[in-house]
Amino acid sequence: VYRTAEQCWGLELWHEEPNDALVEAGLAIHD
């Protein structure tokens, strides 16, 4: 789950860094 622009081709993906719930939801797909 990209958290910063540096992880994402310099793109500003989020309005603010994703919270734990968003990260865990993404990781559930990964798992």
PDB file of all heavy atoms in Angstrom:
ATOM      1  N   VAL A   1       0.868  -1.183   0.000  1.00  0.00           N
ATOM      2  CA  VAL A   1       0.000   0.000   0.000  1.00  0.00           C
ATOM      3  C   VAL A   1       0.902   1.230   0.000  1.00  0.00           C
ATOM      4  O   VAL A   1       1.666   1.456   0.938  1.00  0.00           O
ATOM      5  CB  VAL A   1      -0.932   0.012   1.228  1.00  0.00           C
ATOM      6  CG1 VAL A   1      -1.759   1.302   1.252  1.00  0.00           C
ATOM      7  CG2 VAL A   1      -1.854  -1.205   1.208  1.00  0.00           C
ATOM      8  N   TYR A   2       0.845   2.007  -1.071  1.00  0.00           N
ATOM      9  CA  TYR A   2       1.674   3.204  -1.165  1.00  0.00           C
ATOM     10  C   TYR A   2       1.271   4.188  -0.065  1.00  0.00           C
ATOM     11  O   TYR A   2       0.096   4.518   0.084  1.00  0.00           O
ATOM     12  CB  TYR A   2       1.498   3.913  -2.510  1.00  0.00           C
ATOM     13  CG  TYR A   2       1.622   3.059  -3.741  1.00  0.00           C
ATOM     14  CD1 TYR A   2       0.840   3.334  -4.865  1.00  0.00           C
ATOM     15  CD2 TYR A   2       2.511   1.997  -3.822  1.00  0.00           C
ATOM     16  CE1 TYR A   2       0.943   2.585  -6.028  1.00  0.00           C
ATOM     17  CE2 TYR A   2       2.625   1.238  -4.973  1.00  0.00           C
ATOM     18  CZ  TYR A   2       1.836   1.526  -6.078  1.00  0.00           C
ATOM     19  OH  TYR A   2       1.944   0.781  -7.212  1.00  0.00           O
ATOM     20  N   ARG A   3       2.252   4.675   0.660  1.00  0.00           N
ATOM     21  CA  ARG A   3       1.963   5.652   1.711  1.00  0.00           C
ATOM     22  C   ARG A   3       2.466   7.049   1.364  1.00  0.00           C
ATOM     23  O   ARG A   3       1.900   8.043   1.803  1.00  0.00           O
ATOM     24  CB  ARG A   3       2.582   5.188   3.036  1.00  0.00           C
ATOM     25  CG  ARG A   3       1.900   3.955   3.635  1.00  0.00           C
ATOM     26  CD  ARG A   3       2.715   3.408   4.803  1.00  0.00           C
ATOM     27  NE  ARG A   3       2.021   2.361   5.541  1.00  0.00           N
ATOM     28  CZ  ARG A   3       1.999   1.085   5.177  1.00  0.00           C
ATOM     29  NH1 ARG A   3       2.611   0.702   4.074  1.00  0.00           N
ATOM     30  NH2 ARG A   3       1.342   0.193   5.904  1.00  0.00           N
ATOM     31  N   THR A   4       3.536   7.130   0.589  1.00  0.00           N
ATOM     32  CA  THR A   4       4.155   8.414   0.273  1.00  0.00           C
ATOM     33  C   THR A   4       4.331   8.557  -1.236  1.00  0.00           C
ATOM     34  O   THR A   4       4.302   7.572  -1.980  1.00  0.00           O
ATOM     35  CB  THR A   4       5.536   8.536   0.940  1.00  0.00           C
ATOM     36  OG1 THR A   4       6.430   7.570   0.357  1.00  0.00           O
ATOM     37  CG2 THR A   4       5.439   8.293   2.447  1.00  0.00           C
ATOM     38  N   ALA A   5       4.557   9.783  -1.678  1.00  0.00           N
ATOM     39  CA  ALA A   5       4.768  10.047  -3.097  1.00  0.00           C
ATOM     40  C   ALA A   5       6.021   9.335  -3.607  1.00  0.00           C
ATOM     41  O   ALA A   5       6.081   8.909  -4.767  1.00  0.00           O
ATOM     42  CB  ALA A   5       4.870  11.549  -3.343  1.00  0.00           C
ATOM     43  N   GLU A   6       7.016   9.192  -2.740  1.00  0.00           N
ATOM     44  CA  GLU A   6       8.273   8.535  -3.149  1.00  0.00           C
ATOM     45  C   GLU A   6       8.041   7.079  -3.532  1.00  0.00           C
ATOM     46  O   GLU A   6       8.782   6.512  -4.341  1.00  0.00           O
ATOM     47  CB  GLU A   6       9.297   8.619  -2.019  1.00  0.00           C
ATOM     48  CG  GLU A   6       9.884  10.011  -1.795  1.00  0.00           C
ATOM     49  CD  GLU A   6       8.882  10.988  -1.199  1.00  0.00           C
ATOM     50  OE1 GLU A   6       7.980  10.532  -0.460  1.00  0.00           O
ATOM     51  OE2 GLU A   6       9.001  12.204  -1.489  1.00  0.00           O
ATOM     52  N   GLN A   7       7.019   6.449  -2.971  1.00  0.00           N
ATOM     53  CA  GLN A   7       6.693   5.067  -3.300  1.00  0.00           C
ATOM     54  C   GLN A   7       5.821   4.965  -4.546  1.00  0.00           C
ATOM     55  O   GLN A   7       5.507   3.868  -4.989  1.00  0.00           O
ATOM     56  CB  GLN A   7       5.941   4.417  -2.129  1.00  0.00           C
ATOM     57  CG  GLN A   7       6.769   4.262  -0.859  1.00  0.00           C
ATOM     58  CD  GLN A   7       5.922   3.722   0.277  1.00  0.00           C
ATOM     59  OE1 GLN A   7       4.879   4.281   0.621  1.00  0.00           O
ATOM     60  NE2 GLN A   7       6.366   2.617   0.853  1.00  0.00           N
ATOM     61  N   CYS A   8       5.469   6.110  -5.125  1.00  0.00           N
ATOM     62  CA  CYS A   8       4.385   6.162  -6.114  1.00  0.00           C
ATOM     63  C   CYS A   8       4.733   7.105  -7.268  1.00  0.00           C
ATOM     64  O   CYS A   8       3.915   7.952  -7.632  1.00  0.00           O
ATOM     65  CB  CYS A   8       3.113   6.602  -5.367  1.00  0.00           C
ATOM     66  SG  CYS A   8       1.579   6.589  -6.255  1.00  0.00           S
ATOM     67  N   TRP A   9       5.950   6.980  -7.807  1.00  0.00           N
ATOM     68  CA  TRP A   9       6.403   7.780  -8.947  1.00  0.00           C
ATOM     69  C   TRP A   9       6.306   9.278  -8.694  1.00  0.00           C
ATOM     70  O   TRP A   9       6.125  10.062  -9.632  1.00  0.00           O
ATOM     71  CB  TRP A   9       5.616   7.427 -10.218  1.00  0.00           C
ATOM     72  CG  TRP A   9       5.629   5.986 -10.552  1.00  0.00           C
ATOM     73  CD1 TRP A   9       6.634   5.282 -11.149  1.00  0.00           C
ATOM     74  CD2 TRP A   9       4.590   5.052 -10.279  1.00  0.00           C
ATOM     75  NE1 TRP A   9       6.287   3.973 -11.266  1.00  0.00           N
ATOM     76  CE2 TRP A   9       5.037   3.795 -10.736  1.00  0.00           C
ATOM     77  CE3 TRP A   9       3.328   5.146  -9.696  1.00  0.00           C
ATOM     78  CZ2 TRP A   9       4.271   2.647 -10.623  1.00  0.00           C
ATOM     79  CZ3 TRP A   9       2.562   3.999  -9.583  1.00  0.00           C
ATOM     80  CH2 TRP A   9       3.025   2.778 -10.042  1.00  0.00           C
ATOM     81  N   GLY A  10       6.381   9.697  -7.435  1.00  0.00           N
ATOM     82  CA  GLY A  10       6.279  11.104  -7.106  1.00  0.00           C
ATOM     83  C   GLY A  10       4.862  11.650  -7.112  1.00  0.00           C
ATOM     84  O   GLY A  10       4.663  12.857  -6.919  1.00  0.00           O
ATOM     85  N   LEU A  11       3.875  10.790  -7.302  1.00  0.00           N
ATOM     86  CA  LEU A  11       2.483  11.225  -7.356  1.00  0.00           C
ATOM     87  C   LEU A  11       1.913  11.368  -5.944  1.00  0.00           C
ATOM     88  O   LEU A  11       2.171  10.537  -5.071  1.00  0.00           O
ATOM     89  CB  LEU A  11       1.640  10.208  -8.137  1.00  0.00           C
ATOM     90  CG  LEU A  11       2.041   9.983  -9.599  1.00  0.00           C
ATOM     91  CD1 LEU A  11       1.270   8.807 -10.177  1.00  0.00           C
ATOM     92  CD2 LEU A  11       1.807  11.240 -10.423  1.00  0.00           C
ATOM     93  N   GLU A  12       1.126  12.401  -5.749  1.00  0.00           N
ATOM     94  CA  GLU A  12       0.459  12.603  -4.463  1.00  0.00           C
ATOM     95  C   GLU A  12      -0.848  11.813  -4.482  1.00  0.00           C
ATOM     96  O   GLU A  12      -1.879  12.289  -4.944  1.00  0.00           O
ATOM     97  CB  GLU A  12       0.208  14.093  -4.228  1.00  0.00           C
ATOM     98  CG  GLU A  12       1.472  14.912  -4.061  1.00  0.00           C
ATOM     99  CD  GLU A  12       2.259  14.557  -2.795  1.00  0.00           C
ATOM    100  OE1 GLU A  12       1.674  13.947  -1.874  1.00  0.00           O
ATOM    101  OE2 GLU A  12       3.458  14.896  -2.745  1.00  0.00           O
ATOM    102  N   LEU A  13      -0.788  10.605  -3.972  1.00  0.00           N
ATOM    103  CA  LEU A  13      -1.922   9.702  -4.060  1.00  0.00           C
ATOM    104  C   LEU A  13      -3.038  10.053  -3.080  1.00  0.00           C
ATOM    105  O   LEU A  13      -4.214   9.985  -3.423  1.00  0.00           O
ATOM    106  CB  LEU A  13      -1.437   8.262  -3.819  1.00  0.00           C
ATOM    107  CG  LEU A  13      -2.502   7.177  -3.753  1.00  0.00           C
ATOM    108  CD1 LEU A  13      -3.346   7.147  -5.020  1.00  0.00           C
ATOM    109  CD2 LEU A  13      -1.842   5.806  -3.521  1.00  0.00           C
ATOM    110  N   TRP A  14      -2.674  10.414  -1.846  1.00  0.00           N
ATOM    111  CA  TRP A  14      -3.663  10.581  -0.780  1.00  0.00           C
ATOM    112  C   TRP A  14      -3.800  12.046  -0.356  1.00  0.00           C
ATOM    113  O   TRP A  14      -2.838  12.811  -0.434  1.00  0.00           O
ATOM    114  CB  TRP A  14      -3.237   9.771   0.446  1.00  0.00           C
ATOM    115  CG  TRP A  14      -2.948   8.335   0.179  1.00  0.00           C
ATOM    116  CD1 TRP A  14      -1.715   7.746   0.092  1.00  0.00           C
ATOM    117  CD2 TRP A  14      -3.904   7.281  -0.039  1.00  0.00           C
ATOM    118  NE1 TRP A  14      -1.836   6.408  -0.161  1.00  0.00           N
ATOM    119  CE2 TRP A  14      -3.168   6.080  -0.247  1.00  0.00           C
ATOM    120  CE3 TRP A  14      -5.303   7.236  -0.056  1.00  0.00           C
ATOM    121  CZ2 TRP A  14      -3.778   4.855  -0.484  1.00  0.00           C
ATOM    122  CZ3 TRP A  14      -5.916   6.011  -0.303  1.00  0.00           C
ATOM    123  CH2 TRP A  14      -5.160   4.845  -0.514  1.00  0.00           C
ATOM    124  N   HIS A  15      -4.976  12.386   0.130  1.00  0.00           N
ATOM    125  CA  HIS A  15      -5.154  13.693   0.764  1.00  0.00           C
ATOM    126  C   HIS A  15      -4.287  13.777   2.018  1.00  0.00           C
ATOM    127  O   HIS A  15      -3.727  14.830   2.334  1.00  0.00           O
ATOM    128  CB  HIS A  15      -6.623  13.914   1.128  1.00  0.00           C
ATOM    129  CG  HIS A  15      -7.515  14.068  -0.068  1.00  0.00           C
ATOM    130  ND1 HIS A  15      -7.402  15.113  -0.955  1.00  0.00           N
ATOM    131  CD2 HIS A  15      -8.537  13.293  -0.527  1.00  0.00           C
ATOM    132  CE1 HIS A  15      -8.314  14.987  -1.908  1.00  0.00           C
ATOM    133  NE2 HIS A  15      -9.007  13.892  -1.681  1.00  0.00           N
ATOM    134  N   GLU A  16      -4.178  12.669   2.729  1.00  0.00           N
ATOM    135  CA  GLU A  16      -3.255  12.533   3.853  1.00  0.00           C
ATOM    136  C   GLU A  16      -2.878  11.065   3.947  1.00  0.00           C
ATOM    137  O   GLU A  16      -3.557  10.203   3.378  1.00  0.00           O
ATOM    138  CB  GLU A  16      -3.880  13.019   5.153  1.00  0.00           C
ATOM    139  CG  GLU A  16      -5.176  12.322   5.528  1.00  0.00           C
ATOM    140  CD  GLU A  16      -5.822  12.944   6.744  1.00  0.00           C
ATOM    141  OE1 GLU A  16      -5.717  14.177   6.917  1.00  0.00           O
ATOM    142  OE2 GLU A  16      -6.423  12.192   7.517  1.00  0.00           O
ATOM    143  N   GLU A  17      -1.798  10.777   4.634  1.00  0.00           N
ATOM    144  CA  GLU A  17      -1.317   9.391   4.675  1.00  0.00           C
ATOM    145  C   GLU A  17      -2.433   8.454   5.140  1.00  0.00           C
ATOM    146  O   GLU A  17      -3.162   8.760   6.081  1.00  0.00           O
ATOM    147  CB  GLU A  17      -0.110   9.280   5.613  1.00  0.00           C
ATOM    148  CG  GLU A  17       0.569   7.924   5.531  1.00  0.00           C
ATOM    149  CD  GLU A  17       1.922   7.896   6.228  1.00  0.00           C
ATOM    150  OE1 GLU A  17       2.575   8.950   6.307  1.00  0.00           O
ATOM    151  OE2 GLU A  17       2.314   6.804   6.667  1.00  0.00           O
ATOM    152  N   PRO A  18      -2.596   7.303   4.457  1.00  0.00           N
ATOM    153  CA  PRO A  18      -3.729   6.426   4.768  1.00  0.00           C
ATOM    154  C   PRO A  18      -3.684   5.908   6.202  1.00  0.00           C
ATOM    155  O   PRO A  18      -2.613   5.633   6.742  1.00  0.00           O
ATOM    156  CB  PRO A  18      -3.575   5.283   3.761  1.00  0.00           C
ATOM    157  CG  PRO A  18      -2.137   5.307   3.366  1.00  0.00           C
ATOM    158  CD  PRO A  18      -1.744   6.751   3.406  1.00  0.00           C
ATOM    159  N   ASN A  19      -4.874   5.791   6.799  1.00  0.00           N
ATOM    160  CA  ASN A  19      -4.939   5.290   8.168  1.00  0.00           C
ATOM    161  C   ASN A  19      -4.814   3.775   8.201  1.00  0.00           C
ATOM    162  O   ASN A  19      -4.776   3.106   7.158  1.00  0.00           O
ATOM    163  CB  ASN A  19      -6.226   5.761   8.854  1.00  0.00           C
ATOM    164  CG  ASN A  19      -7.481   5.268   8.127  1.00  0.00           C
ATOM    165  OD1 ASN A  19      -7.513   4.191   7.541  1.00  0.00           O
ATOM    166  ND2 ASN A  19      -8.539   6.079   8.187  1.00  0.00           N
ATOM    167  N   ASP A  20      -4.752   3.219   9.391  1.00  0.00           N
ATOM    168  CA  ASP A  20      -4.538   1.775   9.544  1.00  0.00           C
ATOM    169  C   ASP A  20      -5.645   0.960   8.889  1.00  0.00           C
ATOM    170  O   ASP A  20      -5.383  -0.102   8.317  1.00  0.00           O
ATOM    171  CB  ASP A  20      -4.433   1.412  11.026  1.00  0.00           C
ATOM    172  CG  ASP A  20      -3.158   1.931  11.677  1.00  0.00           C
ATOM    173  OD1 ASP A  20      -2.244   2.334  10.929  1.00  0.00           O
ATOM    174  OD2 ASP A  20      -3.082   1.934  12.919  1.00  0.00           O
ATOM    175  N   ALA A  21      -6.868   1.447   8.960  1.00  0.00           N
ATOM    176  CA  ALA A  21      -7.984   0.693   8.385  1.00  0.00           C
ATOM    177  C   ALA A  21      -7.847   0.570   6.870  1.00  0.00           C
ATOM    178  O   ALA A  21      -8.087  -0.506   6.297  1.00  0.00           O
ATOM    179  CB  ALA A  21      -9.307   1.369   8.740  1.00  0.00           C
ATOM    180  N   LEU A  22      -7.441   1.666   6.199  1.00  0.00           N
ATOM    181  CA  LEU A  22      -7.243   1.608   4.751  1.00  0.00           C
ATOM    182  C   LEU A  22      -6.097   0.672   4.387  1.00  0.00           C
ATOM    183  O   LEU A  22      -6.187  -0.100   3.434  1.00  0.00           O
ATOM    184  CB  LEU A  22      -6.964   3.010   4.200  1.00  0.00           C
ATOM    185  CG  LEU A  22      -8.166   3.913   3.936  1.00  0.00           C
ATOM    186  CD1 LEU A  22      -7.693   5.246   3.391  1.00  0.00           C
ATOM    187  CD2 LEU A  22      -9.133   3.258   2.964  1.00  0.00           C
ATOM    188  N   VAL A  23      -5.020   0.747   5.143  1.00  0.00           N
ATOM    189  CA  VAL A  23      -3.873  -0.118   4.874  1.00  0.00           C
ATOM    190  C   VAL A  23      -4.263  -1.584   5.048  1.00  0.00           C
ATOM    191  O   VAL A  23      -3.957  -2.435   4.202  1.00  0.00           O
ATOM    192  CB  VAL A  23      -2.688   0.248   5.791  1.00  0.00           C
ATOM    193  CG1 VAL A  23      -1.566  -0.781   5.647  1.00  0.00           C
ATOM    194  CG2 VAL A  23      -2.173   1.652   5.460  1.00  0.00           C
ATOM    195  N   GLU A  24      -4.949  -1.898   6.133  1.00  0.00           N
ATOM    196  CA  GLU A  24      -5.337  -3.283   6.386  1.00  0.00           C
ATOM    197  C   GLU A  24      -6.308  -3.794   5.334  1.00  0.00           C
ATOM    198  O   GLU A  24      -6.258  -4.969   4.947  1.00  0.00           O
ATOM    199  CB  GLU A  24      -5.934  -3.425   7.791  1.00  0.00           C
ATOM    200  CG  GLU A  24      -4.910  -3.265   8.903  1.00  0.00           C
ATOM    201  CD  GLU A  24      -3.736  -4.230   8.758  1.00  0.00           C
ATOM    202  OE1 GLU A  24      -3.974  -5.434   8.482  1.00  0.00           O
ATOM    203  OE2 GLU A  24      -2.579  -3.779   8.905  1.00  0.00           O
ATOM    204  N   ALA A  25      -7.191  -2.923   4.847  1.00  0.00           N
ATOM    205  CA  ALA A  25      -8.111  -3.340   3.789  1.00  0.00           C
ATOM    206  C   ALA A  25      -7.352  -3.695   2.510  1.00  0.00           C
ATOM    207  O   ALA A  25      -7.670  -4.670   1.828  1.00  0.00           O
ATOM    208  CB  ALA A  25      -9.128  -2.230   3.520  1.00  0.00           C
ATOM    209  N   GLY A  26      -6.344  -2.888   2.196  1.00  0.00           N
ATOM    210  CA  GLY A  26      -5.527  -3.195   1.024  1.00  0.00           C
ATOM    211  C   GLY A  26      -4.737  -4.481   1.209  1.00  0.00           C
ATOM    212  O   GLY A  26      -4.648  -5.311   0.297  1.00  0.00           O
ATOM    213  N   LEU A  27      -4.180  -4.662   2.387  1.00  0.00           N
ATOM    214  CA  LEU A  27      -3.376  -5.857   2.644  1.00  0.00           C
ATOM    215  C   LEU A  27      -4.217  -7.125   2.650  1.00  0.00           C
ATOM    216  O   LEU A  27      -3.710  -8.209   2.348  1.00  0.00           O
ATOM    217  CB  LEU A  27      -2.619  -5.708   3.961  1.00  0.00           C
ATOM    218  CG  LEU A  27      -1.548  -4.614   3.975  1.00  0.00           C
ATOM    219  CD1 LEU A  27      -0.837  -4.591   5.325  1.00  0.00           C
ATOM    220  CD2 LEU A  27      -0.541  -4.806   2.846  1.00  0.00           C
ATOM    221  N   ALA A  28      -5.513  -6.999   2.963  1.00  0.00           N
ATOM    222  CA  ALA A  28      -6.397  -8.160   2.887  1.00  0.00           C
ATOM    223  C   ALA A  28      -6.483  -8.672   1.449  1.00  0.00           C
ATOM    224  O   ALA A  28      -6.536  -9.886   1.205  1.00  0.00           O
ATOM    225  CB  ALA A  28      -7.784  -7.807   3.410  1.00  0.00           C
ATOM    226  N   ILE A  29      -6.485  -7.751   0.483  1.00  0.00           N
ATOM    227  CA  ILE A  29      -6.484  -8.139  -0.930  1.00  0.00           C
ATOM    228  C   ILE A  29      -5.162  -8.820  -1.281  1.00  0.00           C
ATOM    229  O   ILE A  29      -5.135  -9.856  -1.961  1.00  0.00           O
ATOM    230  CB  ILE A  29      -6.731  -6.910  -1.819  1.00  0.00           C
ATOM    231  CG1 ILE A  29      -8.088  -6.281  -1.504  1.00  0.00           C
ATOM    232  CG2 ILE A  29      -6.637  -7.286  -3.296  1.00  0.00           C
ATOM    233  CD1 ILE A  29      -8.356  -4.971  -2.219  1.00  0.00           C
ATOM    234  N   HIS A  30      -4.065  -8.248  -0.813  1.00  0.00           N
ATOM    235  CA  HIS A  30      -2.739  -8.822  -1.060  1.00  0.00           C
ATOM    236  C   HIS A  30      -2.674 -10.248  -0.522  1.00  0.00           C
ATOM    237  O   HIS A  30      -2.244 -11.182  -1.214  1.00  0.00           O
ATOM    238  CB  HIS A  30      -1.684  -7.934  -0.397  1.00  0.00           C
ATOM    239  CG  HIS A  30      -0.278  -8.183  -0.823  1.00  0.00           C
ATOM    240  ND1 HIS A  30       0.495  -9.195  -0.284  1.00  0.00           N
ATOM    241  CD2 HIS A  30       0.529  -7.546  -1.723  1.00  0.00           C
ATOM    242  CE1 HIS A  30       1.696  -9.162  -0.826  1.00  0.00           C
ATOM    243  NE2 HIS A  30       1.747  -8.167  -1.711  1.00  0.00           N
ATOM    244  N   ASP A  31      -3.117 -10.439   0.711  1.00  0.00           N
ATOM    245  CA  ASP A  31      -3.080 -11.764   1.329  1.00  0.00           C
ATOM    246  C   ASP A  31      -3.950 -12.754   0.566  1.00  0.00           C
ATOM    247  O   ASP A  31      -3.545 -13.906   0.323  1.00  0.00           O
ATOM    248  CB  ASP A  31      -3.555 -11.681   2.781  1.00  0.00           C
ATOM    249  CG  ASP A  31      -2.607 -10.903   3.680  1.00  0.00           C
ATOM    250  OD1 ASP A  31      -1.455 -10.670   3.278  1.00  0.00           O
ATOM    251  OD2 ASP A  31      -3.031 -10.529   4.788  1.00  0.00           O
TER     252      ASP A  31
END
